[in-house]
Amino acid sequence: MPRTLITGGAGFLGSHLCDRFIDEGHEVICMDNLITGDTKNIEHLFDLGQDRFRFVKYDVTDYLHVNGDLDYVLHFASPAAPDDYLRLPIQTLKVGALGTHKALGLAKAKDARFLLASTSEVYGDPLVHPQPEDYWGNVNPIGERGVYDEAKRFAEALAMAYNRYHGVETRIVRIFNTYGPRMRVDDGRALPTFMSQALRDDPLTVYGDGSQTRAFCYVDDLVEGIYRLLLSDETDPVNIGNPDEITIKEFAEEIIEITGSDSPITYEELPKDDPQVRQPDISKARDVLGWHPKVDRREGLRRTLDYFRETIDAPAPSET
């Protein structure tokens, strides 16, 4: 039975990865300090027993040790939503730097394959569109968002250094906007904000004029891409995301339609350094991994809506 450590495993993405690796027959160790994660995301796995699933509450920026062998280390520990990394700037930098260093050191000691969760934010506010992996980005290193952008850029450099100089088998996934069940309703990202506001019939808050674009990938598609990347021979970064681009204003209107809400749209000042465009070039993922997203955005939103209705206890719209 392969043995896998997933840091940040009680978070949105980490918990879905725990599910996938359990389904693939792995023994999974989930490690999380719960500053943005939640044990509710993984409590359905507790009954499996510690020979299949074990949760360890721990800060991976400290000394990191796991008894026994490990086959894989997936490093997903980090605040990822803007509200979180702006509220926790030091912790975000520490987990990107010290946490990645500790996780890579553990992978080296255990002769385990390592996968880093990086992000499309390494491209910053891009001057190339869509964004391919060989684009170096346009990042403000001292802006408020720089704590997340530069933490991930450093983490990528560190992973490649361990690959080149220590022979650690490393993989790097650059994750584009992802959504699905288990997202926090209050994390400040577009989808949970819009969906929560729409279900409460509150105004939907759009920043700027809403012309900035994003491309949203359903979580099941993302997890499939990550799993394929982990098992591949590709050591350079790979974009995983859905290239179906939409403006934020159009996305807000789509959420209103899908939820059946009467919410209006209101506009507020655009945050500094907010990317104007975001769309992955997934040519490499198609060629190297044979991967492409399969879940249509509207279908994914319908699946996510059921979770949000239950989470915020919002009634379904009556049939007319």
Protein backbone atom coordinates (compact mmCIF):
# COMPACT_ATOMS: atom_id res chain seq x y z
CA MET A 1 0.00 0.00 0.00
CA PRO A 2 1.61 3.34 -1.02
CA ARG A 3 1.99 5.82 1.84
CA THR A 4 1.30 9.49 1.12
CA LEU A 5 1.63 12.67 3.18
CA ILE A 6 -0.62 15.59 2.18
CA THR A 7 0.18 18.88 3.91
CA GLY A 8 -2.76 21.27 4.04
CA GLY A 9 -4.91 18.17 3.73
CA ALA A 10 -7.88 19.60 5.66
CA GLY A 11 -8.28 22.47 3.20
CA PHE A 12 -10.52 22.67 0.15
CA LEU A 13 -8.10 21.12 -2.35
CA GLY A 14 -6.18 19.02 0.16
CA SER A 15 -9.30 17.24 1.38
CA HIS A 16 -10.31 16.28 -2.16
CA LEU A 17 -6.80 14.93 -2.68
CA CYS A 18 -7.13 12.88 0.51
CA ASP A 19 -10.30 11.35 -0.95
CA ARG A 20 -8.61 10.58 -4.26
CA PHE A 21 -5.55 8.94 -2.76
CA ILE A 22 -7.67 6.87 -0.38
CA ASP A 23 -9.69 5.72 -3.41
CA GLU A 24 -6.43 4.83 -5.17
CA GLY A 25 -5.50 2.51 -2.29
CA HIS A 26 -2.99 4.73 -0.49
CA GLU A 27 -2.48 5.13 3.23
CA VAL A 28 -2.90 8.87 3.71
CA ILE A 29 -1.42 11.09 6.40
CA CYS A 30 -3.19 14.44 6.42
CA MET A 31 -1.27 17.26 8.11
CA ASP A 32 -2.79 20.70 8.73
CA ASN A 33 -2.56 23.43 11.39
CA LEU A 34 -6.18 24.44 10.64
CA ILE A 35 -5.60 28.19 10.28
CA THR A 36 -7.60 27.99 7.05
CA GLY A 37 -8.42 24.26 6.89
CA ASP A 38 -11.31 22.55 8.67
CA THR A 39 -11.65 19.00 10.00
CA LYS A 40 -15.22 18.99 8.67
CA ASN A 41 -13.66 18.50 5.23
CA ILE A 42 -12.07 15.20 6.26
CA GLU A 43 -14.23 13.88 9.10
CA HIS A 44 -15.85 11.37 6.73
CA LEU A 45 -12.42 9.66 6.52
CA PHE A 46 -11.88 9.22 10.26
CA ASP A 47 -13.78 5.92 10.39
CA LEU A 48 -11.28 4.30 8.00
CA GLY A 49 -8.84 3.70 10.86
CA GLN A 50 -5.26 4.87 11.25
CA ASP A 51 -3.94 2.15 8.97
CA ARG A 52 -5.67 4.00 6.07
CA PHE A 53 -6.09 7.61 7.17
CA ARG A 54 -4.51 9.68 9.91
CA PHE A 55 -4.91 13.37 10.70
CA VAL A 56 -2.07 15.23 12.39
CA LYS A 57 -2.62 18.81 13.54
CA TYR A 58 0.77 20.40 12.94
CA ASP A 59 2.50 23.48 11.52
CA VAL A 60 4.79 22.32 8.71
CA THR A 61 7.04 25.34 9.13
CA ASP A 62 8.39 23.60 12.26
CA TYR A 63 10.63 20.53 12.27
CA LEU A 64 8.87 17.95 10.11
CA HIS A 65 9.10 14.22 10.75
CA VAL A 66 6.89 11.25 9.93
CA ASN A 67 7.58 7.75 11.28
CA GLY A 68 7.99 5.01 8.73
CA ASP A 69 8.33 5.04 4.97
CA LEU A 70 6.75 7.55 2.63
CA ASP A 71 6.23 7.16 -1.10
CA TYR A 72 4.78 10.60 -1.86
CA VAL A 73 4.75 14.05 -0.27
CA LEU A 74 2.18 16.55 -1.59
CA HIS A 75 2.76 20.06 -0.25
CA PHE A 76 -0.55 21.94 -0.27
CA ALA A 77 -0.18 23.82 3.02
CA SER A 78 -0.67 27.55 2.46
CA PRO A 79 -3.33 30.22 2.71
CA ALA A 80 -4.55 30.53 -0.88
CA ALA A 81 -7.49 32.93 -0.91
CA PRO A 82 -6.71 36.67 -1.05
CA ASP A 83 -8.58 37.37 2.20
CA ASP A 84 -6.42 34.74 3.91
CA TYR A 85 -2.97 35.67 2.67
CA LEU A 86 -3.64 39.39 3.14
CA ARG A 87 -4.71 38.63 6.72
CA LEU A 88 -1.85 36.18 7.29
CA PRO A 89 1.10 37.60 5.33
CA ILE A 90 3.90 36.30 7.55
CA GLN A 91 2.40 32.82 7.83
CA THR A 92 1.98 32.74 4.04
CA LEU A 93 5.62 33.60 3.46
CA LYS A 94 6.76 31.13 6.11
CA VAL A 95 4.82 28.17 4.73
CA GLY A 96 5.98 28.95 1.19
CA ALA A 97 9.62 29.15 2.28
CA LEU A 98 10.19 27.24 5.53
CA GLY A 99 7.29 24.85 4.99
CA THR A 100 8.45 23.94 1.50
CA HIS A 101 12.01 23.49 2.78
CA LYS A 102 10.84 21.15 5.56
CA ALA A 103 8.59 19.16 3.20
CA LEU A 104 11.37 18.79 0.63
CA GLY A 105 13.79 17.72 3.34
CA LEU A 106 11.35 15.04 4.45
CA ALA A 107 10.89 13.83 0.87
CA LYS A 108 14.67 13.64 0.49
CA ALA A 109 15.07 11.69 3.75
CA LYS A 110 12.32 9.24 2.81
CA ASP A 111 13.29 8.97 -0.88
CA ALA A 112 9.72 10.03 -1.69
CA ARG A 113 8.38 11.80 -4.75
CA PHE A 114 7.41 15.40 -3.98
CA LEU A 115 4.64 17.49 -5.56
CA LEU A 116 4.39 21.24 -4.95
CA ALA A 117 1.09 23.08 -5.19
CA SER A 118 2.05 26.27 -6.98
CA THR A 119 -0.34 28.76 -8.51
CA SER A 120 -1.21 30.87 -11.51
CA GLU A 121 -0.34 33.83 -9.26
CA VAL A 122 3.33 33.25 -10.14
CA TYR A 123 2.39 34.98 -13.42
CA GLY A 124 1.19 38.07 -11.52
CA ASP A 125 -0.73 40.55 -13.68
CA PRO A 126 0.35 38.90 -16.93
CA LEU A 127 1.53 40.64 -20.06
CA VAL A 128 1.21 37.37 -22.02
CA HIS A 129 -2.22 35.86 -22.58
CA PRO A 130 -3.07 33.03 -22.18
CA GLN A 131 -0.25 32.09 -19.81
CA PRO A 132 2.14 29.27 -20.84
CA GLU A 133 4.59 27.69 -18.43
CA ASP A 134 7.60 29.37 -20.05
CA TYR A 135 6.24 32.86 -19.25
CA TRP A 136 8.16 34.33 -16.27
CA GLY A 137 5.40 36.61 -15.07
CA ASN A 138 4.81 40.23 -14.08
CA VAL A 139 4.79 40.34 -10.28
CA ASN A 140 5.06 43.23 -7.83
CA PRO A 141 7.36 41.68 -5.19
CA ILE A 142 6.62 44.31 -2.52
CA GLY A 143 2.88 44.68 -3.06
CA GLU A 144 0.35 43.17 -0.66
CA ARG A 145 -0.26 40.24 -3.00
CA GLY A 146 3.50 39.65 -3.24
CA VAL A 147 3.48 37.65 -0.01
CA TYR A 148 1.63 34.88 -1.85
CA ASP A 149 3.06 35.36 -5.34
CA GLU A 150 6.69 35.44 -4.22
CA ALA A 151 6.24 32.66 -1.66
CA LYS A 152 5.14 30.36 -4.47
CA ARG A 153 7.86 31.56 -6.85
CA PHE A 154 10.46 30.85 -4.15
CA ALA A 155 8.88 27.45 -3.47
CA GLU A 156 9.18 26.55 -7.16
CA ALA A 157 12.85 27.58 -7.20
CA LEU A 158 13.50 25.53 -4.06
CA ALA A 159 11.79 22.46 -5.49
CA MET A 160 13.89 22.69 -8.66
CA ALA A 161 17.06 23.11 -6.57
CA TYR A 162 16.27 19.94 -4.62
CA ASN A 163 15.63 18.17 -7.90
CA ARG A 164 18.89 19.29 -9.50
CA TYR A 165 21.24 19.12 -6.52
CA HIS A 166 19.74 16.40 -4.31
CA GLY A 167 18.06 14.23 -6.93
CA VAL A 168 14.62 14.51 -5.31
CA GLU A 169 11.84 13.56 -7.73
CA THR A 170 9.85 16.79 -7.79
CA ARG A 171 6.67 17.81 -9.60
CA ILE A 172 5.18 21.32 -9.75
CA VAL A 173 1.52 22.03 -10.53
CA ARG A 174 0.47 25.60 -11.29
CA ILE A 175 -3.15 25.70 -10.19
CA PHE A 176 -5.58 28.12 -11.82
CA ASN A 177 -8.89 29.21 -10.28
CA THR A 178 -10.61 26.12 -8.93
CA TYR A 179 -14.05 25.69 -7.37
CA GLY A 180 -16.31 23.03 -5.94
CA PRO A 181 -17.77 21.67 -2.70
CA ARG A 182 -15.88 22.42 0.55
CA MET A 183 -14.88 25.94 -0.43
CA ARG A 184 -15.22 28.30 2.52
CA VAL A 185 -18.12 30.69 2.09
CA ASP A 186 -16.10 33.57 3.55
CA ASP A 187 -12.69 33.30 1.88
CA GLY A 188 -13.08 36.31 -0.42
CA ARG A 189 -12.73 34.49 -3.72
CA ALA A 190 -15.18 35.31 -6.50
CA LEU A 191 -17.20 32.11 -6.57
CA PRO A 192 -17.92 31.64 -2.83
CA THR A 193 -18.52 35.37 -2.43
CA PHE A 194 -20.94 35.57 -5.36
CA MET A 195 -22.74 32.35 -4.50
CA SER A 196 -23.17 33.26 -0.83
CA GLN A 197 -24.40 36.74 -1.70
CA ALA A 198 -26.79 35.42 -4.33
CA LEU A 199 -28.27 32.78 -2.03
CA ARG A 200 -28.92 35.48 0.59
CA ASP A 201 -30.27 37.86 -2.07
CA ASP A 202 -27.55 40.33 -1.13
CA PRO A 203 -25.89 42.52 -3.80
CA LEU A 204 -23.02 40.78 -5.61
CA THR A 205 -19.78 42.71 -5.15
CA VAL A 206 -17.77 43.15 -8.34
CA TYR A 207 -14.42 44.94 -8.14
CA GLY A 208 -13.49 47.42 -10.85
CA ASP A 209 -15.79 47.38 -13.85
CA GLY A 210 -15.87 43.58 -13.95
CA SER A 211 -14.00 43.33 -17.26
CA GLN A 212 -11.11 41.39 -15.69
CA THR A 213 -11.18 37.72 -16.65
CA ARG A 214 -10.77 34.40 -14.88
CA ALA A 215 -11.02 30.77 -15.97
CA PHE A 216 -12.63 28.37 -13.48
CA CYS A 217 -11.82 24.65 -13.16
CA TYR A 218 -14.01 22.18 -11.29
CA VAL A 219 -12.17 20.47 -8.43
CA ASP A 220 -12.57 16.91 -9.76
CA ASP A 221 -10.82 17.89 -12.99
CA LEU A 222 -8.01 19.55 -11.05
CA VAL A 223 -7.47 16.51 -8.83
CA GLU A 224 -7.28 14.26 -11.89
CA GLY A 225 -4.63 16.52 -13.43
CA ILE A 226 -2.61 16.57 -10.21
CA TYR A 227 -2.74 12.79 -9.90
CA ARG A 228 -1.55 12.34 -13.48
CA LEU A 229 1.26 14.85 -12.98
CA LEU A 230 2.45 13.10 -9.81
CA LEU A 231 2.78 9.80 -11.66
CA SER A 232 4.38 11.35 -14.75
CA ASP A 233 8.06 11.97 -15.49
CA GLU A 234 7.58 15.76 -15.91
CA THR A 235 9.75 17.81 -13.54
CA ASP A 236 9.08 21.30 -14.92
CA PRO A 237 5.90 23.20 -13.92
CA VAL A 238 2.60 22.26 -15.55
CA ASN A 239 -0.53 24.43 -15.73
CA ILE A 240 -3.70 22.70 -14.60
CA GLY A 241 -6.88 24.68 -15.13
CA ASN A 242 -9.83 25.22 -17.41
CA PRO A 243 -9.13 27.62 -20.31
CA ASP A 244 -12.82 28.60 -20.61
CA GLU A 245 -12.33 32.32 -19.91
CA ILE A 246 -15.10 34.60 -18.60
CA THR A 247 -15.24 38.17 -17.31
CA ILE A 248 -16.02 38.64 -13.62
CA LYS A 249 -19.17 40.62 -14.48
CA GLU A 250 -20.39 37.82 -16.73
CA PHE A 251 -19.54 35.32 -14.01
CA ALA A 252 -21.59 37.27 -11.46
CA GLU A 253 -24.53 37.31 -13.87
CA GLU A 254 -24.16 33.55 -14.39
CA ILE A 255 -24.25 32.94 -10.63
CA ILE A 256 -27.40 35.06 -10.29
CA GLU A 257 -29.06 33.04 -13.06
CA ILE A 258 -28.05 29.63 -11.68
CA THR A 259 -29.12 30.44 -8.11
CA GLY A 260 -32.38 32.04 -9.19
CA SER A 261 -31.48 35.10 -7.13
CA ASP A 262 -32.88 38.63 -7.42
CA SER A 263 -29.55 40.12 -6.32
CA PRO A 264 -28.28 43.25 -8.04
CA ILE A 265 -24.59 43.81 -8.85
CA THR A 266 -22.65 46.55 -7.08
CA TYR A 267 -19.18 47.82 -7.97
CA GLU A 268 -16.24 48.65 -5.72
CA GLU A 269 -12.68 49.84 -6.31
CA LEU A 270 -10.35 47.27 -7.86
CA PRO A 271 -7.68 46.03 -5.40
CA LYS A 272 -4.08 46.93 -6.18
CA ASP A 273 -2.22 44.48 -8.46
CA ASP A 274 -5.39 42.49 -9.15
CA PRO A 275 -4.70 40.55 -12.40
CA GLN A 276 -6.61 41.88 -15.40
CA VAL A 277 -6.58 38.55 -17.22
CA ARG A 278 -6.13 34.95 -16.21
CA GLN A 279 -6.33 31.99 -18.57
CA PRO A 280 -4.15 28.87 -18.63
CA ASP A 281 -2.42 27.58 -21.71
CA ILE A 282 -2.91 23.85 -21.09
CA SER A 283 -1.10 22.60 -24.20
CA LYS A 284 1.57 20.98 -22.04
CA ALA A 285 -0.95 19.19 -19.83
CA ARG A 286 -2.70 17.85 -22.93
CA ASP A 287 0.54 16.69 -24.55
CA VAL A 288 2.42 15.34 -21.51
CA LEU A 289 -0.41 14.13 -19.27
CA GLY A 290 -3.19 13.47 -21.75
CA TRP A 291 -5.31 15.71 -19.51
CA HIS A 292 -8.02 18.24 -20.20
CA PRO A 293 -10.98 19.42 -18.11
CA LYS A 294 -14.21 17.51 -18.61
CA VAL A 295 -16.73 19.24 -16.33
CA ASP A 296 -18.55 22.12 -17.98
CA ARG A 297 -18.60 25.26 -15.82
CA ARG A 298 -22.38 25.43 -15.52
CA GLU A 299 -22.54 21.77 -14.52
CA GLY A 300 -19.79 22.33 -11.95
CA LEU A 301 -21.63 25.36 -10.59
CA ARG A 302 -24.81 23.33 -10.19
CA ARG A 303 -22.89 20.72 -8.17
CA THR A 304 -21.29 23.44 -6.06
CA LEU A 305 -24.61 25.21 -5.50
CA ASP A 306 -26.02 22.20 -3.65
CA TYR A 307 -23.10 22.36 -1.21
CA PHE A 308 -23.47 26.11 -0.65
CA ARG A 309 -27.23 25.86 -0.07
CA GLU A 310 -26.62 23.29 2.63
CA THR A 311 -23.69 25.17 4.14
CA ILE A 312 -25.44 28.52 4.54
CA ASP A 313 -28.86 26.91 5.09
CA ALA A 314 -30.44 28.66 2.12
CA PRO A 315 -33.72 27.34 0.72
CA ALA A 316 -33.98 26.26 -2.88
CA PRO A 317 -36.04 28.57 -5.06
CA SER A 318 -39.70 27.56 -5.37
CA GLU A 319 -40.95 26.15 -8.67
CA THR A 320 -43.07 28.59 -10.68
